[in-house]
Amino acid sequence: MPTRGRFTLTAADSGTVHTNLGATGAIVATLPQSPPKGTEYRFVCMADQELRLEPGAAGGIYVKGAKQTDDKYVSITDIGDFIHLVADGNGDWVAVASISGADADIVVEA
């Protein structure tokens, strides 16, 4: 994992865990555009730096009780924050698990 910058995930990366351990700046993970249903990734903050998840132009992320706008990122920033995303097969991502009790720690792009 880079200490800052961006990286792109593929469907072949399904089932992997990504952290920002050792990060010195924001890390941006770009999710695949049209992955197969059930493709999944876990993201965990291990440094007090932004870990941003970008769904791409044709997809959105279901988190915080709603589908967020397509092509808008979701990020976590505090040590211990986490999100587990699963592809729904229609280009969107569902957070099947995320930090609880500190929902304000999940930031969504306006």
PDB file of N, CA and C in Angstrom:
ATOM      1  N   MET A   1       0.849  -1.173   0.000  1.00  0.00           N
ATOM      2  CA  MET A   1       0.000   0.000   0.000  1.00  0.00           C
ATOM      3  C   MET A   1       0.895   1.236   0.000  1.00  0.00           C
ATOM      4  N   PRO A   2       0.595   2.220  -0.816  1.00  0.00           N
ATOM      5  CA  PRO A   2       1.410   3.436  -0.815  1.00  0.00           C
ATOM      6  C   PRO A   2       1.233   4.226   0.485  1.00  0.00           C
ATOM      7  N   THR A   3       2.210   5.062   0.812  1.00  0.00           N
ATOM      8  CA  THR A   3       2.085   5.893   2.006  1.00  0.00           C
ATOM      9  C   THR A   3       1.285   7.152   1.729  1.00  0.00           C
ATOM     10  N   ARG A   4       1.080   7.482   0.469  1.00  0.00           N
ATOM     11  CA  ARG A   4       0.178   8.551   0.041  1.00  0.00           C
ATOM     12  C   ARG A   4      -0.032   8.383  -1.453  1.00  0.00           C
ATOM     13  N   GLY A   5      -1.051   9.047  -1.973  1.00  0.00           N
ATOM     14  CA  GLY A   5      -1.340   8.922  -3.397  1.00  0.00           C
ATOM     15  C   GLY A   5      -2.575   8.093  -3.647  1.00  0.00           C
ATOM     16  N   ARG A   6      -2.590   7.414  -4.794  1.00  0.00           N
ATOM     17  CA  ARG A   6      -3.781   6.657  -5.156  1.00  0.00           C
ATOM     18  C   ARG A   6      -3.412   5.310  -5.749  1.00  0.00           C
ATOM     19  N   PHE A   7      -4.385   4.397  -5.695  1.00  0.00           N
ATOM     20  CA  PHE A   7      -4.237   3.099  -6.329  1.00  0.00           C
ATOM     21  C   PHE A   7      -5.616   2.654  -6.803  1.00  0.00           C
ATOM     22  N   THR A   8      -5.631   1.748  -7.768  1.00  0.00           N
ATOM     23  CA  THR A   8      -6.874   1.267  -8.358  1.00  0.00           C
ATOM     24  C   THR A   8      -7.020  -0.224  -8.084  1.00  0.00           C
ATOM     25  N   LEU A   9      -8.200  -0.599  -7.597  1.00  0.00           N
ATOM     26  CA  LEU A   9      -8.489  -2.005  -7.336  1.00  0.00           C
ATOM     27  C   LEU A   9      -9.131  -2.639  -8.555  1.00  0.00           C
ATOM     28  N   THR A  10      -8.987  -3.948  -8.671  1.00  0.00           N
ATOM     29  CA  THR A  10      -9.626  -4.715  -9.737  1.00  0.00           C
ATOM     30  C   THR A  10     -10.474  -5.804  -9.093  1.00  0.00           C
ATOM     31  N   ALA A  11     -11.321  -6.433  -9.882  1.00  0.00           N
ATOM     32  CA  ALA A  11     -12.143  -7.534  -9.369  1.00  0.00           C
ATOM     33  C   ALA A  11     -11.261  -8.666  -8.851  1.00  0.00           C
ATOM     34  N   ALA A  12     -10.081  -8.834  -9.437  1.00  0.00           N
ATOM     35  CA  ALA A  12      -9.155  -9.883  -8.992  1.00  0.00           C
ATOM     36  C   ALA A  12      -8.656  -9.642  -7.572  1.00  0.00           C
ATOM     37  N   ASP A  13      -8.770  -8.397  -7.080  1.00  0.00           N
ATOM     38  CA  ASP A  13      -8.345  -8.056  -5.715  1.00  0.00           C
ATOM     39  C   ASP A  13      -9.435  -8.359  -4.680  1.00  0.00           C
ATOM     40  N   SER A  14     -10.559  -8.904  -5.120  1.00  0.00           N
ATOM     41  CA  SER A  14     -11.679  -9.163  -4.213  1.00  0.00           C
ATOM     42  C   SER A  14     -11.230  -9.984  -3.012  1.00  0.00           C
ATOM     43  N   GLY A  15     -11.760  -9.610  -1.842  1.00  0.00           N
ATOM     44  CA  GLY A  15     -11.443 -10.320  -0.613  1.00  0.00           C
ATOM     45  C   GLY A  15     -10.245  -9.761   0.134  1.00  0.00           C
ATOM     46  N   THR A  16      -9.635  -8.715  -0.399  1.00  0.00           N
ATOM     47  CA  THR A  16      -8.440  -8.161   0.219  1.00  0.00           C
ATOM     48  C   THR A  16      -8.780  -7.084   1.248  1.00  0.00           C
ATOM     49  N   VAL A  17      -7.817  -6.857   2.141  1.00  0.00           N
ATOM     50  CA  VAL A  17      -7.932  -5.827   3.173  1.00  0.00           C
ATOM     51  C   VAL A  17      -6.901  -4.748   2.857  1.00  0.00           C
ATOM     52  N   HIS A  18      -7.316  -3.489   2.932  1.00  0.00           N
ATOM     53  CA  HIS A  18      -6.440  -2.367   2.633  1.00  0.00           C
ATOM     54  C   HIS A  18      -6.419  -1.418   3.817  1.00  0.00           C
ATOM     55  N   THR A  19      -5.231  -0.983   4.194  1.00  0.00           N
ATOM     56  CA  THR A  19      -5.079  -0.054   5.308  1.00  0.00           C
ATOM     57  C   THR A  19      -4.255   1.135   4.847  1.00  0.00           C
ATOM     58  N   ASN A  20      -4.155   2.107   5.723  1.00  0.00           N
ATOM     59  CA  ASN A  20      -3.278   3.243   5.452  1.00  0.00           C
ATOM     60  C   ASN A  20      -2.118   3.272   6.450  1.00  0.00           C
ATOM     61  N   LEU A  21      -1.742   2.107   6.950  1.00  0.00           N
ATOM     62  CA  LEU A  21      -0.633   2.003   7.886  1.00  0.00           C
ATOM     63  C   LEU A  21       0.608   2.676   7.304  1.00  0.00           C
ATOM     64  N   GLY A  22       1.202   3.580   8.059  1.00  0.00           N
ATOM     65  CA  GLY A  22       2.402   4.279   7.617  1.00  0.00           C
ATOM     66  C   GLY A  22       2.145   5.464   6.703  1.00  0.00           C
ATOM     67  N   ALA A  23       0.879   5.776   6.455  1.00  0.00           N
ATOM     68  CA  ALA A  23       0.550   6.875   5.541  1.00  0.00           C
ATOM     69  C   ALA A  23       1.040   8.205   6.086  1.00  0.00           C
ATOM     70  N   THR A  24       1.533   9.033   5.176  1.00  0.00           N
ATOM     71  CA  THR A  24       1.976  10.384   5.523  1.00  0.00           C
ATOM     72  C   THR A  24       1.086  11.429   4.868  1.00  0.00           C
ATOM     73  N   GLY A  25       0.050  10.977   4.202  1.00  0.00           N
ATOM     74  CA  GLY A  25      -0.914  11.849   3.544  1.00  0.00           C
ATOM     75  C   GLY A  25      -2.113  11.020   3.136  1.00  0.00           C
ATOM     76  N   ALA A  26      -3.032  11.642   2.437  1.00  0.00           N
ATOM     77  CA  ALA A  26      -4.245  10.947   2.001  1.00  0.00           C
ATOM     78  C   ALA A  26      -3.917   9.820   1.028  1.00  0.00           C
ATOM     79  N   ILE A  27      -4.672   8.740   1.158  1.00  0.00           N
ATOM     80  CA  ILE A  27      -4.593   7.623   0.218  1.00  0.00           C
ATOM     81  C   ILE A  27      -5.963   7.479  -0.416  1.00  0.00           C
ATOM     82  N   VAL A  28      -5.999   7.356  -1.748  1.00  0.00           N
ATOM     83  CA  VAL A  28      -7.249   7.250  -2.490  1.00  0.00           C
ATOM     84  C   VAL A  28      -7.294   5.900  -3.190  1.00  0.00           C
ATOM     85  N   ALA A  29      -8.332   5.118  -2.888  1.00  0.00           N
ATOM     86  CA  ALA A  29      -8.549   3.824  -3.535  1.00  0.00           C
ATOM     87  C   ALA A  29      -9.695   3.982  -4.524  1.00  0.00           C
ATOM     88  N   THR A  30      -9.445   3.683  -5.785  1.00  0.00           N
ATOM     89  CA  THR A  30     -10.483   3.732  -6.807  1.00  0.00           C
ATOM     90  C   THR A  30     -11.043   2.329  -6.985  1.00  0.00           C
ATOM     91  N   LEU A  31     -12.359   2.206  -6.815  1.00  0.00           N
ATOM     92  CA  LEU A  31     -13.036   0.918  -6.946  1.00  0.00           C
ATOM     93  C   LEU A  31     -13.298   0.623  -8.418  1.00  0.00           C
ATOM     94  N   PRO A  32     -13.401  -0.667  -8.795  1.00  0.00           N
ATOM     95  CA  PRO A  32     -13.692  -1.003 -10.196  1.00  0.00           C
ATOM     96  C   PRO A  32     -15.073  -0.501 -10.617  1.00  0.00           C
ATOM     97  N   GLN A  33     -15.223  -0.162 -11.876  1.00  0.00           N
ATOM     98  CA  GLN A  33     -16.471   0.385 -12.401  1.00  0.00           C
ATOM     99  C   GLN A  33     -17.613  -0.620 -12.458  1.00  0.00           C
ATOM    100  N   SER A  34     -17.384  -1.800 -12.979  1.00  0.00           N
ATOM    101  CA  SER A  34     -18.469  -2.782 -13.145  1.00  0.00           C
ATOM    102  C   SER A  34     -18.005  -4.158 -12.685  1.00  0.00           C
ATOM    103  N   PRO A  35     -17.712  -4.305 -11.402  1.00  0.00           N
ATOM    104  CA  PRO A  35     -17.233  -5.599 -10.925  1.00  0.00           C
ATOM    105  C   PRO A  35     -18.372  -6.610 -10.815  1.00  0.00           C
ATOM    106  N   PRO A  36     -18.037  -7.893 -10.810  1.00  0.00           N
ATOM    107  CA  PRO A  36     -19.072  -8.905 -10.603  1.00  0.00           C
ATOM    108  C   PRO A  36     -19.723  -8.763  -9.225  1.00  0.00           C
ATOM    109  N   LYS A  37     -20.992  -9.120  -9.142  1.00  0.00           N
ATOM    110  CA  LYS A  37     -21.716  -9.104  -7.868  1.00  0.00           C
ATOM    111  C   LYS A  37     -20.930  -9.926  -6.852  1.00  0.00           C
ATOM    112  N   GLY A  38     -20.790  -9.377  -5.647  1.00  0.00           N
ATOM    113  CA  GLY A  38     -20.085 -10.085  -4.584  1.00  0.00           C
ATOM    114  C   GLY A  38     -18.611  -9.727  -4.452  1.00  0.00           C
ATOM    115  N   THR A  39     -18.086  -8.962  -5.391  1.00  0.00           N
ATOM    116  CA  THR A  39     -16.703  -8.484  -5.251  1.00  0.00           C
ATOM    117  C   THR A  39     -16.650  -7.666  -3.967  1.00  0.00           C
ATOM    118  N   GLU A  40     -15.633  -7.879  -3.143  1.00  0.00           N
ATOM    119  CA  GLU A  40     -15.607  -7.195  -1.851  1.00  0.00           C
ATOM    120  C   GLU A  40     -14.202  -6.774  -1.442  1.00  0.00           C
ATOM    121  N   TYR A  41     -14.159  -5.703  -0.668  1.00  0.00           N
ATOM    122  CA  TYR A  41     -12.911  -5.175  -0.117  1.00  0.00           C
ATOM    123  C   TYR A  41     -13.191  -4.665   1.290  1.00  0.00           C
ATOM    124  N   ARG A  42     -12.164  -4.728   2.113  1.00  0.00           N
ATOM    125  CA  ARG A  42     -12.246  -4.161   3.463  1.00  0.00           C
ATOM    126  C   ARG A  42     -11.188  -3.063   3.569  1.00  0.00           C
ATOM    127  N   PHE A  43     -11.550  -1.967   4.224  1.00  0.00           N
ATOM    128  CA  PHE A  43     -10.648  -0.828   4.405  1.00  0.00           C
ATOM    129  C   PHE A  43     -10.600  -0.478   5.880  1.00  0.00           C
ATOM    130  N   VAL A  44      -9.391  -0.312   6.404  1.00  0.00           N
ATOM    131  CA  VAL A  44      -9.209  -0.015   7.821  1.00  0.00           C
ATOM    132  C   VAL A  44      -8.195   1.110   7.982  1.00  0.00           C
ATOM    133  N   CYS A  45      -8.549   2.129   8.754  1.00  0.00           N
ATOM    134  CA  CYS A  45      -7.601   3.204   9.070  1.00  0.00           C
ATOM    135  C   CYS A  45      -6.656   2.723  10.161  1.00  0.00           C
ATOM    136  N   MET A  46      -5.380   2.811   9.888  1.00  0.00           N
ATOM    137  CA  MET A  46      -4.358   2.470  10.877  1.00  0.00           C
ATOM    138  C   MET A  46      -3.409   3.635  11.087  1.00  0.00           C
ATOM    139  N   ALA A  47      -3.726   4.776  10.471  1.00  0.00           N
ATOM    140  CA  ALA A  47      -2.989   6.030  10.654  1.00  0.00           C
ATOM    141  C   ALA A  47      -4.018   7.156  10.618  1.00  0.00           C
ATOM    142  N   ASP A  48      -3.730   8.243  11.290  1.00  0.00           N
ATOM    143  CA  ASP A  48      -4.650   9.384  11.296  1.00  0.00           C
ATOM    144  C   ASP A  48      -4.512  10.189  10.007  1.00  0.00           C
ATOM    145  N   GLN A  49      -4.799   9.547   8.904  1.00  0.00           N
ATOM    146  CA  GLN A  49      -4.771  10.149   7.573  1.00  0.00           C
ATOM    147  C   GLN A  49      -6.020   9.682   6.834  1.00  0.00           C
ATOM    148  N   GLU A  50      -6.442  10.462   5.859  1.00  0.00           N
ATOM    149  CA  GLU A  50      -7.639  10.109   5.095  1.00  0.00           C
ATOM    150  C   GLU A  50      -7.410   8.860   4.251  1.00  0.00           C
ATOM    151  N   LEU A  51      -8.378   7.958   4.291  1.00  0.00           N
ATOM    152  CA  LEU A  51      -8.433   6.797   3.403  1.00  0.00           C
ATOM    153  C   LEU A  51      -9.728   6.964   2.617  1.00  0.00           C
ATOM    154  N   ARG A  52      -9.594   7.395   1.364  1.00  0.00           N
ATOM    155  CA  ARG A  52     -10.738   7.776   0.529  1.00  0.00           C
ATOM    156  C   ARG A  52     -11.078   6.658  -0.443  1.00  0.00           C
ATOM    157  N   LEU A  53     -12.378   6.377  -0.604  1.00  0.00           N
ATOM    158  CA  LEU A  53     -12.868   5.334  -1.487  1.00  0.00           C
ATOM    159  C   LEU A  53     -13.700   5.982  -2.584  1.00  0.00           C
ATOM    160  N   GLU A  54     -13.255   5.819  -3.825  1.00  0.00           N
ATOM    161  CA  GLU A  54     -13.939   6.449  -4.960  1.00  0.00           C
ATOM    162  C   GLU A  54     -14.612   5.378  -5.815  1.00  0.00           C
ATOM    163  N   PRO A  55     -15.954   5.463  -5.981  1.00  0.00           N
ATOM    164  CA  PRO A  55     -16.686   4.435  -6.710  1.00  0.00           C
ATOM    165  C   PRO A  55     -16.660   4.588  -8.229  1.00  0.00           C
ATOM    166  N   GLY A  56     -16.243   5.702  -8.747  1.00  0.00           N
ATOM    167  CA  GLY A  56     -16.239   5.911 -10.193  1.00  0.00           C
ATOM    168  C   GLY A  56     -17.524   6.563 -10.683  1.00  0.00           C
ATOM    169  N   ALA A  57     -17.506   7.007 -11.922  1.00  0.00           N
ATOM    170  CA  ALA A  57     -18.587   7.809 -12.491  1.00  0.00           C
ATOM    171  C   ALA A  57     -19.931   7.101 -12.524  1.00  0.00           C
ATOM    172  N   ALA A  58     -19.934   5.782 -12.660  1.00  0.00           N
ATOM    173  CA  ALA A  58     -21.196   5.066 -12.840  1.00  0.00           C
ATOM    174  C   ALA A  58     -21.674   4.362 -11.585  1.00  0.00           C
ATOM    175  N   GLY A  59     -21.058   4.629 -10.440  1.00  0.00           N
ATOM    176  CA  GLY A  59     -21.462   3.912  -9.241  1.00  0.00           C
ATOM    177  C   GLY A  59     -21.509   4.796  -8.015  1.00  0.00           C
ATOM    178  N   GLY A  60     -22.265   4.343  -7.035  1.00  0.00           N
ATOM    179  CA  GLY A  60     -22.353   5.033  -5.761  1.00  0.00           C
ATOM    180  C   GLY A  60     -22.131   4.043  -4.632  1.00  0.00           C
ATOM    181  N   ILE A  61     -22.011   4.573  -3.418  1.00  0.00           N
ATOM    182  CA  ILE A  61     -21.794   3.737  -2.244  1.00  0.00           C
ATOM    183  C   ILE A  61     -22.988   3.890  -1.305  1.00  0.00           C
ATOM    184  N   TYR A  62     -23.581   2.763  -0.921  1.00  0.00           N
ATOM    185  CA  TYR A  62     -24.662   2.750   0.067  1.00  0.00           C
ATOM    186  C   TYR A  62     -24.029   2.700   1.454  1.00  0.00           C
ATOM    187  N   VAL A  63     -24.144   3.795   2.190  1.00  0.00           N
ATOM    188  CA  VAL A  63     -23.606   3.875   3.548  1.00  0.00           C
ATOM    189  C   VAL A  63     -24.333   4.992   4.276  1.00  0.00           C
ATOM    190  N   LYS A  64     -24.332   4.955   5.581  1.00  0.00           N
ATOM    191  CA  LYS A  64     -25.003   5.977   6.400  1.00  0.00           C
ATOM    192  C   LYS A  64     -26.493   6.064   6.086  1.00  0.00           C
ATOM    193  N   GLY A  65     -27.112   4.911   5.801  1.00  0.00           N
ATOM    194  CA  GLY A  65     -28.551   4.864   5.609  1.00  0.00           C
ATOM    195  C   GLY A  65     -29.067   5.296   4.257  1.00  0.00           C
ATOM    196  N   ALA A  66     -28.188   5.492   3.280  1.00  0.00           N
ATOM    197  CA  ALA A  66     -28.646   5.939   1.960  1.00  0.00           C
ATOM    198  C   ALA A  66     -27.592   5.650   0.901  1.00  0.00           C
ATOM    199  N   LYS A  67     -28.057   5.664  -0.351  1.00  0.00           N
ATOM    200  CA  LYS A  67     -27.110   5.587  -1.454  1.00  0.00           C
ATOM    201  C   LYS A  67     -26.544   6.981  -1.661  1.00  0.00           C
ATOM    202  N   GLN A  68     -25.236   7.071  -1.662  1.00  0.00           N
ATOM    203  CA  GLN A  68     -24.590   8.346  -1.923  1.00  0.00           C
ATOM    204  C   GLN A  68     -24.595   8.601  -3.435  1.00  0.00           C
ATOM    205  N   THR A  69     -24.455   9.825  -3.831  1.00  0.00           N
ATOM    206  CA  THR A  69     -24.475  10.214  -5.239  1.00  0.00           C
ATOM    207  C   THR A  69     -23.379   9.486  -6.008  1.00  0.00           C
ATOM    208  N   ASP A  70     -23.708   9.047  -7.239  1.00  0.00           N
ATOM    209  CA  ASP A  70     -22.705   8.404  -8.094  1.00  0.00           C
ATOM    210  C   ASP A  70     -21.475   9.297  -8.223  1.00  0.00           C
ATOM    211  N   ASP A  71     -20.325   8.670  -8.270  1.00  0.00           N
ATOM    212  CA  ASP A  71     -19.039   9.342  -8.473  1.00  0.00           C
ATOM    213  C   ASP A  71     -18.644  10.252  -7.315  1.00  0.00           C
ATOM    214  N   LYS A  72     -19.218  10.035  -6.135  1.00  0.00           N
ATOM    215  CA  LYS A  72     -18.841  10.810  -4.952  1.00  0.00           C
ATOM    216  C   LYS A  72     -18.140   9.881  -3.971  1.00  0.00           C
ATOM    217  N   TYR A  73     -17.045  10.346  -3.425  1.00  0.00           N
ATOM    218  CA  TYR A  73     -16.242   9.500  -2.547  1.00  0.00           C
ATOM    219  C   TYR A  73     -16.822   9.386  -1.147  1.00  0.00           C
ATOM    220  N   VAL A  74     -16.335   8.383  -0.439  1.00  0.00           N
ATOM    221  CA  VAL A  74     -16.576   8.172   0.985  1.00  0.00           C
ATOM    222  C   VAL A  74     -15.196   8.042   1.600  1.00  0.00           C
ATOM    223  N   SER A  75     -14.979   8.628   2.772  1.00  0.00           N
ATOM    224  CA  SER A  75     -13.665   8.494   3.391  1.00  0.00           C
ATOM    225  C   SER A  75     -13.766   8.265   4.891  1.00  0.00           C
ATOM    226  N   ILE A  76     -12.715   7.654   5.421  1.00  0.00           N
ATOM    227  CA  ILE A  76     -12.547   7.457   6.854  1.00  0.00           C
ATOM    228  C   ILE A  76     -11.170   8.017   7.216  1.00  0.00           C
ATOM    229  N   THR A  77     -11.041   8.493   8.458  1.00  0.00           N
ATOM    230  CA  THR A  77      -9.800   9.204   8.782  1.00  0.00           C
ATOM    231  C   THR A  77      -9.179   8.875  10.127  1.00  0.00           C
ATOM    232  N   ASP A  78      -9.894   8.201  10.999  1.00  0.00           N
ATOM    233  CA  ASP A  78      -9.376   7.970  12.343  1.00  0.00           C
ATOM    234  C   ASP A  78      -8.953   6.523  12.532  1.00  0.00           C
ATOM    235  N   ILE A  79      -7.904   6.314  13.303  1.00  0.00           N
ATOM    236  CA  ILE A  79      -7.432   4.964  13.594  1.00  0.00           C
ATOM    237  C   ILE A  79      -8.592   4.135  14.145  1.00  0.00           C
ATOM    238  N   GLY A  80      -8.796   2.962  13.572  1.00  0.00           N
ATOM    239  CA  GLY A  80      -9.877   2.072  13.986  1.00  0.00           C
ATOM    240  C   GLY A  80     -11.128   2.175  13.137  1.00  0.00           C
ATOM    241  N   ASP A  81     -11.271   3.239  12.343  1.00  0.00           N
ATOM    242  CA  ASP A  81     -12.408   3.341  11.429  1.00  0.00           C
ATOM    243  C   ASP A  81     -12.286   2.243  10.372  1.00  0.00           C
ATOM    244  N   PHE A  82     -13.418   1.700   9.926  1.00  0.00           N
ATOM    245  CA  PHE A  82     -13.378   0.668   8.895  1.00  0.00           C
ATOM    246  C   PHE A  82     -14.654   0.673   8.062  1.00  0.00           C
ATOM    247  N   ILE A  83     -14.541   0.144   6.848  1.00  0.00           N
ATOM    248  CA  ILE A  83     -15.688  -0.065   5.958  1.00  0.00           C
ATOM    249  C   ILE A  83     -15.444  -1.348   5.176  1.00  0.00           C
ATOM    250  N   HIS A  84     -16.477  -2.181   5.078  1.00  0.00           N
ATOM    251  CA  HIS A  84     -16.443  -3.405   4.271  1.00  0.00           C
ATOM    252  C   HIS A  84     -17.444  -3.193   3.140  1.00  0.00           C
ATOM    253  N   LEU A  85     -16.957  -3.128   1.899  1.00  0.00           N
ATOM    254  CA  LEU A  85     -17.800  -2.863   0.738  1.00  0.00           C
ATOM    255  C   LEU A  85     -17.982  -4.121  -0.112  1.00  0.00           C
ATOM    256  N   VAL A  86     -19.212  -4.319  -0.600  1.00  0.00           N
ATOM    257  CA  VAL A  86     -19.529  -5.438  -1.483  1.00  0.00           C
ATOM    258  C   VAL A  86     -20.260  -4.886  -2.711  1.00  0.00           C
ATOM    259  N   ALA A  87     -19.841  -5.336  -3.900  1.00  0.00           N
ATOM    260  CA  ALA A  87     -20.481  -4.912  -5.147  1.00  0.00           C
ATOM    261  C   ALA A  87     -21.851  -5.563  -5.276  1.00  0.00           C
ATOM    262  N   ASP A  88     -22.842  -4.754  -5.712  1.00  0.00           N
ATOM    263  CA  ASP A  88     -24.201  -5.274  -5.843  1.00  0.00           C
ATOM    264  C   ASP A  88     -24.500  -5.838  -7.229  1.00  0.00           C
ATOM    265  N   GLY A  89     -23.555  -5.770  -8.148  1.00  0.00           N
ATOM    266  CA  GLY A  89     -23.769  -6.298  -9.492  1.00  0.00           C
ATOM    267  C   GLY A  89     -24.392  -5.300 -10.447  1.00  0.00           C
ATOM    268  N   ASN A  90     -24.729  -4.098  -9.950  1.00  0.00           N
ATOM    269  CA  ASN A  90     -25.315  -3.047 -10.782  1.00  0.00           C
ATOM    270  C   ASN A  90     -24.429  -1.804 -10.829  1.00  0.00           C
ATOM    271  N   GLY A  91     -23.167  -1.946 -10.443  1.00  0.00           N
ATOM    272  CA  GLY A  91     -22.234  -0.823 -10.476  1.00  0.00           C
ATOM    273  C   GLY A  91     -22.138  -0.061  -9.170  1.00  0.00           C
ATOM    274  N   ASP A  92     -22.939  -0.436  -8.176  1.00  0.00           N
ATOM    275  CA  ASP A  92     -22.899   0.240  -6.884  1.00  0.00           C
ATOM    276  C   ASP A  92     -22.224  -0.647  -5.843  1.00  0.00           C
ATOM    277  N   TRP A  93     -21.927  -0.026  -4.707  1.00  0.00           N
ATOM    278  CA  TRP A  93     -21.259  -0.694  -3.591  1.00  0.00           C
ATOM    279  C   TRP A  93     -22.093  -0.556  -2.340  1.00  0.00           C
ATOM    280  N   VAL A  94     -22.175  -1.630  -1.551  1.00  0.00           N
ATOM    281  CA  VAL A  94     -22.946  -1.640  -0.318  1.00  0.00           C
ATOM    282  C   VAL A  94     -21.983  -1.814   0.851  1.00  0.00           C
ATOM    283  N   ALA A  95     -22.072  -0.914   1.831  1.00  0.00           N
ATOM    284  CA  ALA A  95     -21.275  -1.063   3.047  1.00  0.00           C
ATOM    285  C   ALA A  95     -22.013  -2.049   3.942  1.00  0.00           C
ATOM    286  N   VAL A  96     -21.553  -3.293   3.963  1.00  0.00           N
ATOM    287  CA  VAL A  96     -22.213  -4.319   4.772  1.00  0.00           C
ATOM    288  C   VAL A  96     -21.748  -4.245   6.221  1.00  0.00           C
ATOM    289  N   ALA A  97     -20.672  -3.521   6.463  1.00  0.00           N
ATOM    290  CA  ALA A  97     -20.189  -3.254   7.821  1.00  0.00           C
ATOM    291  C   ALA A  97     -19.413  -1.954   7.771  1.00  0.00           C
ATOM    292  N   SER A  98     -19.528  -1.175   8.836  1.00  0.00           N
ATOM    293  CA  SER A  98     -18.764   0.060   8.940  1.00  0.00           C
ATOM    294  C   SER A  98     -18.693   0.442  10.405  1.00  0.00           C
ATOM    295  N   ILE A  99     -17.896   1.442  10.696  1.00  0.00           N
ATOM    296  CA  ILE A  99     -17.766   1.861  12.087  1.00  0.00           C
ATOM    297  C   ILE A  99     -19.136   2.110  12.675  1.00  0.00           C
ATOM    298  N   SER A 100     -19.298   1.733  13.916  1.00  0.00           N
ATOM    299  CA  SER A 100     -20.586   1.949  14.570  1.00  0.00           C
ATOM    300  C   SER A 100     -20.383   2.821  15.797  1.00  0.00           C
ATOM    301  N   GLY A 101     -21.362   3.621  16.095  1.00  0.00           N
ATOM    302  CA  GLY A 101     -21.274   4.499  17.248  1.00  0.00           C
ATOM    303  C   GLY A 101     -20.526   5.788  16.967  1.00  0.00           C
ATOM    304  N   ALA A 102     -19.915   5.880  15.809  1.00  0.00           N
ATOM    305  CA  ALA A 102     -19.178   7.087  15.421  1.00  0.00           C
ATOM    306  C   ALA A 102     -19.444   7.374  13.960  1.00  0.00           C
ATOM    307  N   ASP A 103     -20.713   7.307  13.580  1.00  0.00           N
ATOM    308  CA  ASP A 103     -21.105   7.454  12.173  1.00  0.00           C
ATOM    309  C   ASP A 103     -20.597   8.749  11.564  1.00  0.00           C
ATOM    310  N   ALA A 104     -20.390   9.785  12.355  1.00  0.00           N
ATOM    311  CA  ALA A 104     -19.893  11.049  11.810  1.00  0.00           C
ATOM    312  C   ALA A 104     -18.478  10.910  11.280  1.00  0.00           C
ATOM    313  N   ASP A 105     -17.771   9.832  11.651  1.00  0.00           N
ATOM    314  CA  ASP A 105     -16.419   9.627  11.157  1.00  0.00           C
ATOM    315  C   ASP A 105     -16.377   9.194   9.705  1.00  0.00           C
ATOM    316  N   ILE A 106     -17.518   8.781   9.148  1.00  0.00           N
ATOM    317  CA  ILE A 106     -17.581   8.443   7.720  1.00  0.00           C
ATOM    318  C   ILE A 106     -17.990   9.701   6.984  1.00  0.00           C
ATOM    319  N   VAL A 107     -17.109  10.215   6.165  1.00  0.00           N
ATOM    320  CA  VAL A 107     -17.369  11.446   5.422  1.00  0.00           C
ATOM    321  C   VAL A 107     -17.799  11.086   4.004  1.00  0.00           C
ATOM    322  N   VAL A 108     -18.836  11.761   3.508  1.00  0.00           N
ATOM    323  CA  VAL A 108     -19.267  11.581   2.138  1.00  0.00           C
ATOM    324  C   VAL A 108     -19.107  12.907   1.394  1.00  0.00           C
ATOM    325  N   GLU A 109     -18.664  12.807   0.166  1.00  0.00           N
ATOM    326  CA  GLU A 109     -18.465  14.003  -0.644  1.00  0.00           C
ATOM    327  C   GLU A 109     -19.808  14.650  -0.940  1.00  0.00           C
ATOM    328  N   ALA A 110     -19.879  15.935  -0.758  1.00  0.00           N
ATOM    329  CA  ALA A 110     -21.119  16.677  -1.004  1.00  0.00           C
ATOM    330  C   ALA A 110     -21.319  16.947  -2.478  1.00  0.00           C
TER     331      ALA A 110
END
